[in-house]
Amino acid sequence: MHNDRVMSRIAGPAIVALAGLLLAGCGGGGGDSSPSAGDGSSSSGGFSQSSGSPDGTPAPSQAVVQGVKLSPEGAKLHVGQSARVSWKPDQTSTAVASIAVTRLQRMPIGTFADWRLPPETLKSTPYFVHATVRNLGRTDLGGAPVPLYLLDQRNTLLQSSSFQAQFKACPSTPLPAKFTRGKKVAVCLVFFVPDHGKLIAISFRPTQDFDAITWDGPVRSPKRTKK
């Protein structure tokens, strides 16, 4: 079930766009433009997948895209570990990348004191999610969104927020304008969990029928400075 909504508020010359609910429970995913889990048979775009064990028991996804063996669907990783994943940024291109979630931070809402936030956002819990992305495929991923979502205690997937002015603490921007094969970048994404919610895991789930790859680990709070 989609319930995408974008809110914006002017803070001086700056505008912040706060992304809302993306997926709830087993609701919809990224749509037909993203790669699905596959059905055990070969498909176009250099995508192949094992069809199961000799006794007919389905095997974990062991897809190969553009010569890269992907991490199995449903993999549960810890902060610092990487996954090799594939998705479709648009109808005509296939992305292949290595993604690692490297740090999770719970931030006070006062971090955004310079921004004019709507009342419902003031009741949220902000998180900074740090990750690294390396392009392993042939597609230039320049300007593509980082395909990570936050899973909260209500089993809801949330999109990262985006800013229409620079937010140095955690830019929460798409991949660089030119991001070709072999390029690597460190990113920081901002998530607002509604109603003082809690981060449970970070999820890669490009489509509804994809068994999400997730990361969990310690959630750090910013160090307090002595007066």
C-alpha atoms as a PDB file:
ATOM      1  CA  MET A   1       0.000   0.000   0.000  1.00  0.00           C
ATOM      2  CA  HIS A   2       1.478   3.299  -1.104  1.00  0.00           C
ATOM      3  CA  ASN A   3       1.025   6.451   0.894  1.00  0.00           C
ATOM      4  CA  ASP A   4       3.837   8.600  -0.422  1.00  0.00           C
ATOM      5  CA  ARG A   5       3.636  12.194   0.658  1.00  0.00           C
ATOM      6  CA  VAL A   6       6.108  15.040   0.542  1.00  0.00           C
ATOM      7  CA  MET A   7       5.883  18.014   2.854  1.00  0.00           C
ATOM      8  CA  SER A   8       7.865  21.197   2.529  1.00  0.00           C
ATOM      9  CA  ARG A   9       8.347  24.183   4.747  1.00  0.00           C
ATOM     10  CA  ILE A  10      10.315  27.351   4.127  1.00  0.00           C
ATOM     11  CA  ALA A  11      13.158  28.067   6.544  1.00  0.00           C
ATOM     12  CA  GLY A  12      14.555  31.400   5.395  1.00  0.00           C
ATOM     13  CA  PRO A  13      15.846  30.675   1.877  1.00  0.00           C
ATOM     14  CA  ALA A  14      15.831  26.934   2.459  1.00  0.00           C
ATOM     15  CA  ILE A  15      13.131  24.352   1.877  1.00  0.00           C
ATOM     16  CA  VAL A  16      13.151  20.842   3.352  1.00  0.00           C
ATOM     17  CA  ALA A  17      11.153  18.033   1.802  1.00  0.00           C
ATOM     18  CA  LEU A  18      10.240  15.355   4.320  1.00  0.00           C
ATOM     19  CA  ALA A  19       9.406  11.972   2.791  1.00  0.00           C
ATOM     20  CA  GLY A  20       6.607  10.076   4.464  1.00  0.00           C
ATOM     21  CA  LEU A  21       5.256   6.566   4.620  1.00  0.00           C
ATOM     22  CA  LEU A  22       6.383   4.246   1.834  1.00  0.00           C
ATOM     23  CA  LEU A  23       5.285   0.702   2.663  1.00  0.00           C
ATOM     24  CA  ALA A  24       3.130  -0.677   5.441  1.00  0.00           C
ATOM     25  CA  GLY A  25       3.308  -4.326   6.426  1.00  0.00           C
ATOM     26  CA  CYS A  26       3.222  -6.424   3.254  1.00  0.00           C
ATOM     27  CA  GLY A  27       2.046  -3.539   1.107  1.00  0.00           C
ATOM     28  CA  GLY A  28       3.340  -2.436  -2.276  1.00  0.00           C
ATOM     29  CA  GLY A  29       6.928  -2.116  -3.314  1.00  0.00           C
ATOM     30  CA  GLY A  30       8.916  -0.264  -5.906  1.00  0.00           C
ATOM     31  CA  GLY A  31       6.632  -1.098  -8.826  1.00  0.00           C
ATOM     32  CA  ASP A  32       7.354  -2.709 -12.174  1.00  0.00           C
ATOM     33  CA  SER A  33      10.432  -0.578 -12.808  1.00  0.00           C
ATOM     34  CA  SER A  34      12.443  -2.466 -10.181  1.00  0.00           C
ATOM     35  CA  PRO A  35      13.896  -5.989 -10.387  1.00  0.00           C
ATOM     36  CA  SER A  36      11.801  -8.687  -8.740  1.00  0.00           C
ATOM     37  CA  ALA A  37      13.014 -11.726  -6.878  1.00  0.00           C
ATOM     38  CA  GLY A  38      12.702 -13.883  -9.969  1.00  0.00           C
ATOM     39  CA  ASP A  39      10.944 -17.201 -10.517  1.00  0.00           C
ATOM     40  CA  GLY A  40      13.938 -19.504 -10.795  1.00  0.00           C
ATOM     41  CA  SER A  41      14.346 -19.095 -14.562  1.00  0.00           C
ATOM     42  CA  SER A  42      16.643 -17.014 -16.707  1.00  0.00           C
ATOM     43  CA  SER A  43      15.458 -13.589 -17.775  1.00  0.00           C
ATOM     44  CA  SER A  44      16.688 -10.690 -19.882  1.00  0.00           C
ATOM     45  CA  GLY A  45      19.233  -8.110 -18.817  1.00  0.00           C
ATOM     46  CA  GLY A  46      21.927 -10.604 -17.845  1.00  0.00           C
ATOM     47  CA  PHE A  47      19.870 -11.837 -14.863  1.00  0.00           C
ATOM     48  CA  SER A  48      19.967 -15.536 -13.976  1.00  0.00           C
ATOM     49  CA  GLN A  49      18.962 -17.419 -10.864  1.00  0.00           C
ATOM     50  CA  SER A  50      19.274 -20.935  -9.476  1.00  0.00           C
ATOM     51  CA  SER A  51      16.052 -22.944  -9.606  1.00  0.00           C
ATOM     52  CA  GLY A  52      16.333 -24.944  -6.390  1.00  0.00           C
ATOM     53  CA  SER A  53      17.761 -28.163  -4.996  1.00  0.00           C
ATOM     54  CA  PRO A  54      17.451 -31.585  -6.748  1.00  0.00           C
ATOM     55  CA  ASP A  55      14.621 -32.649  -4.399  1.00  0.00           C
ATOM     56  CA  GLY A  56      12.519 -29.672  -5.482  1.00  0.00           C
ATOM     57  CA  THR A  57      13.076 -27.571  -2.370  1.00  0.00           C
ATOM     58  CA  PRO A  58      13.461 -23.917  -3.388  1.00  0.00           C
ATOM     59  CA  ALA A  59      16.996 -22.654  -2.901  1.00  0.00           C
ATOM     60  CA  PRO A  60      17.849 -19.187  -1.632  1.00  0.00           C
ATOM     61  CA  SER A  61      18.138 -16.589  -4.365  1.00  0.00           C
ATOM     62  CA  GLN A  62      21.586 -16.847  -5.953  1.00  0.00           C
ATOM     63  CA  ALA A  63      21.116 -14.399  -8.807  1.00  0.00           C
ATOM     64  CA  VAL A  64      23.912 -13.288 -11.110  1.00  0.00           C
ATOM     65  CA  VAL A  65      23.616  -9.896 -12.795  1.00  0.00           C
ATOM     66  CA  GLN A  66      26.243  -8.624 -15.233  1.00  0.00           C
ATOM     67  CA  GLY A  67      28.683 -11.231 -13.918  1.00  0.00           C
ATOM     68  CA  VAL A  68      28.186 -10.282 -10.247  1.00  0.00           C
ATOM     69  CA  LYS A  69      26.822 -12.903  -7.833  1.00  0.00           C
ATOM     70  CA  LEU A  70      24.247 -11.179  -5.660  1.00  0.00           C
ATOM     71  CA  SER A  71      23.670 -11.632  -1.964  1.00  0.00           C
ATOM     72  CA  PRO A  72      20.751 -13.988  -1.211  1.00  0.00           C
ATOM     73  CA  GLU A  73      17.342 -12.515  -0.581  1.00  0.00           C
ATOM     74  CA  GLY A  74      16.400 -12.375   3.065  1.00  0.00           C
ATOM     75  CA  ALA A  75      20.008 -11.928   4.209  1.00  0.00           C
ATOM     76  CA  LYS A  76      20.234 -10.430   7.694  1.00  0.00           C
ATOM     77  CA  LEU A  77      23.380  -8.355   8.052  1.00  0.00           C
ATOM     78  CA  HIS A  78      24.960  -6.289  10.791  1.00  0.00           C
ATOM     79  CA  VAL A  79      26.267  -2.740  10.526  1.00  0.00           C
ATOM     80  CA  GLY A  80      29.566  -2.819   8.643  1.00  0.00           C
ATOM     81  CA  GLN A  81      28.693  -5.775   6.415  1.00  0.00           C
ATOM     82  CA  SER A  82      28.071  -5.338   2.697  1.00  0.00           C
ATOM     83  CA  ALA A  83      25.524  -6.805   0.291  1.00  0.00           C
ATOM     84  CA  ARG A  84      25.714  -7.109  -3.489  1.00  0.00           C
ATOM     85  CA  VAL A  85      22.337  -6.070  -4.849  1.00  0.00           C
ATOM     86  CA  SER A  86      20.554  -5.210  -8.084  1.00  0.00           C
ATOM     87  CA  TRP A  87      17.536  -3.043  -8.910  1.00  0.00           C
ATOM     88  CA  LYS A  88      16.099  -1.028 -11.794  1.00  0.00           C
ATOM     89  CA  PRO A  89      16.434   2.755 -11.311  1.00  0.00           C
ATOM     90  CA  ASP A  90      14.170   3.161 -14.357  1.00  0.00           C
ATOM     91  CA  GLN A  91      12.459   1.068 -17.030  1.00  0.00           C
ATOM     92  CA  THR A  92      15.541   0.677 -19.225  1.00  0.00           C
ATOM     93  CA  SER A  93      18.545   0.316 -16.897  1.00  0.00           C
ATOM     94  CA  THR A  94      19.767  -2.228 -14.364  1.00  0.00           C
ATOM     95  CA  ALA A  95      21.853  -1.241 -11.355  1.00  0.00           C
ATOM     96  CA  VAL A  96      24.340  -3.549  -9.651  1.00  0.00           C
ATOM     97  CA  ALA A  97      26.088  -2.313  -6.523  1.00  0.00           C
ATOM     98  CA  SER A  98      27.712  -3.235  -3.265  1.00  0.00           C
ATOM     99  CA  ILE A  99      26.018  -1.495  -0.331  1.00  0.00           C
ATOM    100  CA  ALA A 100      27.147  -1.461   3.287  1.00  0.00           C
ATOM    101  CA  VAL A 101      25.349   0.273   6.150  1.00  0.00           C
ATOM    102  CA  THR A 102      28.162   1.597   8.322  1.00  0.00           C
ATOM    103  CA  ARG A 103      26.585   3.597  11.173  1.00  0.00           C
ATOM    104  CA  LEU A 104      23.185   4.316  12.727  1.00  0.00           C
ATOM    105  CA  GLN A 105      22.528   7.477  14.749  1.00  0.00           C
ATOM    106  CA  ARG A 106      19.460   8.629  16.652  1.00  0.00           C
ATOM    107  CA  MET A 107      19.366  12.421  16.612  1.00  0.00           C
ATOM    108  CA  PRO A 108      17.453  14.954  18.731  1.00  0.00           C
ATOM    109  CA  ILE A 109      14.786  16.898  16.879  1.00  0.00           C
ATOM    110  CA  GLY A 110      16.749  20.019  17.867  1.00  0.00           C
ATOM    111  CA  THR A 111      19.253  19.051  15.170  1.00  0.00           C
ATOM    112  CA  PHE A 112      16.787  20.697  12.793  1.00  0.00           C
ATOM    113  CA  ALA A 113      16.276  23.871  14.793  1.00  0.00           C
ATOM    114  CA  ASP A 114      17.154  25.961  11.729  1.00  0.00           C
ATOM    115  CA  TRP A 115      14.361  24.347   9.727  1.00  0.00           C
ATOM    116  CA  ARG A 116      10.678  25.132  10.022  1.00  0.00           C
ATOM    117  CA  LEU A 117       9.184  21.673  10.467  1.00  0.00           C
ATOM    118  CA  PRO A 118       5.464  20.814  10.383  1.00  0.00           C
ATOM    119  CA  PRO A 119       3.891  19.821  13.729  1.00  0.00           C
ATOM    120  CA  GLU A 120       3.690  16.118  12.875  1.00  0.00           C
ATOM    121  CA  THR A 121       7.414  16.022  12.071  1.00  0.00           C
ATOM    122  CA  LEU A 122       8.247  17.648  15.400  1.00  0.00           C
ATOM    123  CA  LYS A 123       6.742  14.522  16.998  1.00  0.00           C
ATOM    124  CA  SER A 124       9.045  12.201  15.062  1.00  0.00           C
ATOM    125  CA  THR A 125      12.420  10.668  15.902  1.00  0.00           C
ATOM    126  CA  PRO A 126      15.166  11.599  13.413  1.00  0.00           C
ATOM    127  CA  TYR A 127      17.859   9.114  12.412  1.00  0.00           C
ATOM    128  CA  PHE A 128      21.055   9.500  10.407  1.00  0.00           C
ATOM    129  CA  VAL A 129      21.946   6.369   8.430  1.00  0.00           C
ATOM    130  CA  HIS A 130      25.481   6.199   7.052  1.00  0.00           C
ATOM    131  CA  ALA A 131      26.337   3.830   4.207  1.00  0.00           C
ATOM    132  CA  THR A 132      28.779   3.211   1.394  1.00  0.00           C
ATOM    133  CA  VAL A 133      27.809   2.395  -2.196  1.00  0.00           C
ATOM    134  CA  ARG A 134      30.103   0.982  -4.905  1.00  0.00           C
ATOM    135  CA  ASN A 135      28.886   0.672  -8.505  1.00  0.00           C
ATOM    136  CA  LEU A 136      29.604  -2.868  -9.743  1.00  0.00           C
ATOM    137  CA  GLY A 137      27.585  -2.703 -12.953  1.00  0.00           C
ATOM    138  CA  ARG A 138      27.688  -1.145 -16.397  1.00  0.00           C
ATOM    139  CA  THR A 139      24.978   1.461 -15.743  1.00  0.00           C
ATOM    140  CA  ASP A 140      25.942   4.987 -14.731  1.00  0.00           C
ATOM    141  CA  LEU A 141      23.974   5.454 -11.508  1.00  0.00           C
ATOM    142  CA  GLY A 142      24.466   9.212 -11.421  1.00  0.00           C
ATOM    143  CA  GLY A 143      21.597  10.958  -9.658  1.00  0.00           C
ATOM    144  CA  ALA A 144      19.850   7.720  -8.651  1.00  0.00           C
ATOM    145  CA  PRO A 145      18.351   7.577  -5.152  1.00  0.00           C
ATOM    146  CA  VAL A 146      20.100   5.334  -2.641  1.00  0.00           C
ATOM    147  CA  PRO A 147      17.717   2.329  -2.397  1.00  0.00           C
ATOM    148  CA  LEU A 148      17.642   1.990   1.399  1.00  0.00           C
ATOM    149  CA  TYR A 149      14.596   2.291   3.658  1.00  0.00           C
ATOM    150  CA  LEU A 150      14.069   2.408   7.398  1.00  0.00           C
ATOM    151  CA  LEU A 151      11.965  -0.316   9.043  1.00  0.00           C
ATOM    152  CA  ASP A 152      10.260   0.894  12.232  1.00  0.00           C
ATOM    153  CA  GLN A 153       8.597  -0.908  15.139  1.00  0.00           C
ATOM    154  CA  ARG A 154       5.255  -0.891  13.296  1.00  0.00           C
ATOM    155  CA  ASN A 155       6.748  -2.946  10.456  1.00  0.00           C
ATOM    156  CA  THR A 156       6.542   0.129   8.217  1.00  0.00           C
ATOM    157  CA  LEU A 157       9.150   1.040   5.618  1.00  0.00           C
ATOM    158  CA  LEU A 158       9.991   4.732   5.402  1.00  0.00           C
ATOM    159  CA  GLN A 159      11.758   6.702   2.695  1.00  0.00           C
ATOM    160  CA  SER A 160      14.655   8.987   3.468  1.00  0.00           C
ATOM    161  CA  SER A 161      14.008  12.728   3.454  1.00  0.00           C
ATOM    162  CA  SER A 162      15.469  15.117   0.927  1.00  0.00           C
ATOM    163  CA  PHE A 163      16.465  18.761   1.264  1.00  0.00           C
ATOM    164  CA  GLN A 164      16.166  21.506  -1.299  1.00  0.00           C
ATOM    165  CA  ALA A 165      18.986  23.371   0.413  1.00  0.00           C
ATOM    166  CA  GLN A 166      22.272  22.094   1.767  1.00  0.00           C
ATOM    167  CA  PHE A 167      22.146  20.173   5.046  1.00  0.00           C
ATOM    168  CA  LYS A 168      25.805  19.616   5.891  1.00  0.00           C
ATOM    169  CA  ALA A 169      25.262  17.379   8.916  1.00  0.00           C
ATOM    170  CA  CYS A 170      23.715  14.637   6.748  1.00  0.00           C
ATOM    171  CA  PRO A 171      23.094  15.664   3.102  1.00  0.00           C
ATOM    172  CA  SER A 172      20.554  12.887   2.348  1.00  0.00           C
ATOM    173  CA  THR A 173      21.146  13.305  -1.393  1.00  0.00           C
ATOM    174  CA  PRO A 174      21.038  10.887  -4.353  1.00  0.00           C
ATOM    175  CA  LEU A 175      24.207   9.331  -5.738  1.00  0.00           C
ATOM    176  CA  PRO A 176      26.702  11.756  -7.374  1.00  0.00           C
ATOM    177  CA  ALA A 177      25.876  13.192 -10.787  1.00  0.00           C
ATOM    178  CA  LYS A 178      28.368  10.834 -12.449  1.00  0.00           C
ATOM    179  CA  PHE A 179      28.649   7.451 -10.744  1.00  0.00           C
ATOM    180  CA  THR A 180      30.117   4.878 -13.121  1.00  0.00           C
ATOM    181  CA  ARG A 181      31.453   1.349 -12.677  1.00  0.00           C
ATOM    182  CA  GLY A 182      34.004   1.051  -9.866  1.00  0.00           C
ATOM    183  CA  LYS A 183      33.099   4.367  -8.228  1.00  0.00           C
ATOM    184  CA  LYS A 184      32.496   4.340  -4.470  1.00  0.00           C
ATOM    185  CA  VAL A 185      30.860   6.961  -2.269  1.00  0.00           C
ATOM    186  CA  ALA A 186      29.941   7.396   1.385  1.00  0.00           C
ATOM    187  CA  VAL A 187      26.400   8.676   1.932  1.00  0.00           C
ATOM    188  CA  CYS A 188      24.276   9.831   4.858  1.00  0.00           C
ATOM    189  CA  LEU A 189      20.480   9.588   4.776  1.00  0.00           C
ATOM    190  CA  VAL A 190      17.973  11.321   7.076  1.00  0.00           C
ATOM    191  CA  PHE A 191      14.853   9.471   8.221  1.00  0.00           C
ATOM    192  CA  PHE A 192      12.020  10.857  10.365  1.00  0.00           C
ATOM    193  CA  VAL A 193      10.111   8.082  12.184  1.00  0.00           C
ATOM    194  CA  PRO A 194       6.577   9.321  13.012  1.00  0.00           C
ATOM    195  CA  ASP A 195       5.166   9.491  16.545  1.00  0.00           C
ATOM    196  CA  HIS A 196       8.549   9.154  18.245  1.00  0.00           C
ATOM    197  CA  GLY A 197       9.011   5.791  16.546  1.00  0.00           C
ATOM    198  CA  LYS A 198      12.018   3.501  16.660  1.00  0.00           C
ATOM    199  CA  LEU A 199      14.470   2.236  14.061  1.00  0.00           C
ATOM    200  CA  ILE A 200      14.430  -1.580  13.915  1.00  0.00           C
ATOM    201  CA  ALA A 201      16.495  -2.195  10.779  1.00  0.00           C
ATOM    202  CA  ILE A 202      17.595  -0.718   7.459  1.00  0.00           C
ATOM    203  CA  SER A 203      16.122  -2.497   4.463  1.00  0.00           C
ATOM    204  CA  PHE A 204      16.888  -3.069   0.789  1.00  0.00           C
ATOM    205  CA  ARG A 205      13.581  -4.093  -0.825  1.00  0.00           C
ATOM    206  CA  PRO A 206      13.252  -2.978  -4.468  1.00  0.00           C
ATOM    207  CA  THR A 207       9.907  -4.735  -5.077  1.00  0.00           C
ATOM    208  CA  GLN A 208       7.010  -6.082  -3.041  1.00  0.00           C
ATOM    209  CA  ASP A 209       7.837  -9.726  -3.729  1.00  0.00           C
ATOM    210  CA  PHE A 210      11.541  -9.343  -2.879  1.00  0.00           C
ATOM    211  CA  ASP A 211      12.527 -10.858   0.479  1.00  0.00           C
ATOM    212  CA  ALA A 212      14.269  -7.840   1.977  1.00  0.00           C
ATOM    213  CA  ILE A 213      17.956  -7.718   2.846  1.00  0.00           C
ATOM    214  CA  THR A 214      18.283  -5.980   6.215  1.00  0.00           C
ATOM    215  CA  TRP A 215      20.938  -4.457   8.436  1.00  0.00           C
ATOM    216  CA  ASP A 216      20.757  -3.999  12.198  1.00  0.00           C
ATOM    217  CA  GLY A 217      23.209  -2.970  14.868  1.00  0.00           C
ATOM    218  CA  PRO A 218      23.846  -0.468  17.646  1.00  0.00           C
ATOM    219  CA  VAL A 219      22.060   2.856  17.299  1.00  0.00           C
ATOM    220  CA  ARG A 220      24.286   5.605  18.628  1.00  0.00           C
ATOM    221  CA  SER A 221      23.311   8.931  20.111  1.00  0.00           C
ATOM    222  CA  PRO A 222      25.352  12.099  19.562  1.00  0.00           C
ATOM    223  CA  LYS A 223      27.950  12.841  22.211  1.00  0.00           C
ATOM    224  CA  ARG A 224      27.028  15.595  24.594  1.00  0.00           C
ATOM    225  CA  THR A 225      29.537  18.358  24.915  1.00  0.00           C
ATOM    226  CA  LYS A 226      30.485  19.568  28.371  1.00  0.00           C
ATOM    227  CA  LYS A 227      29.505  23.110  29.204  1.00  0.00           C
END
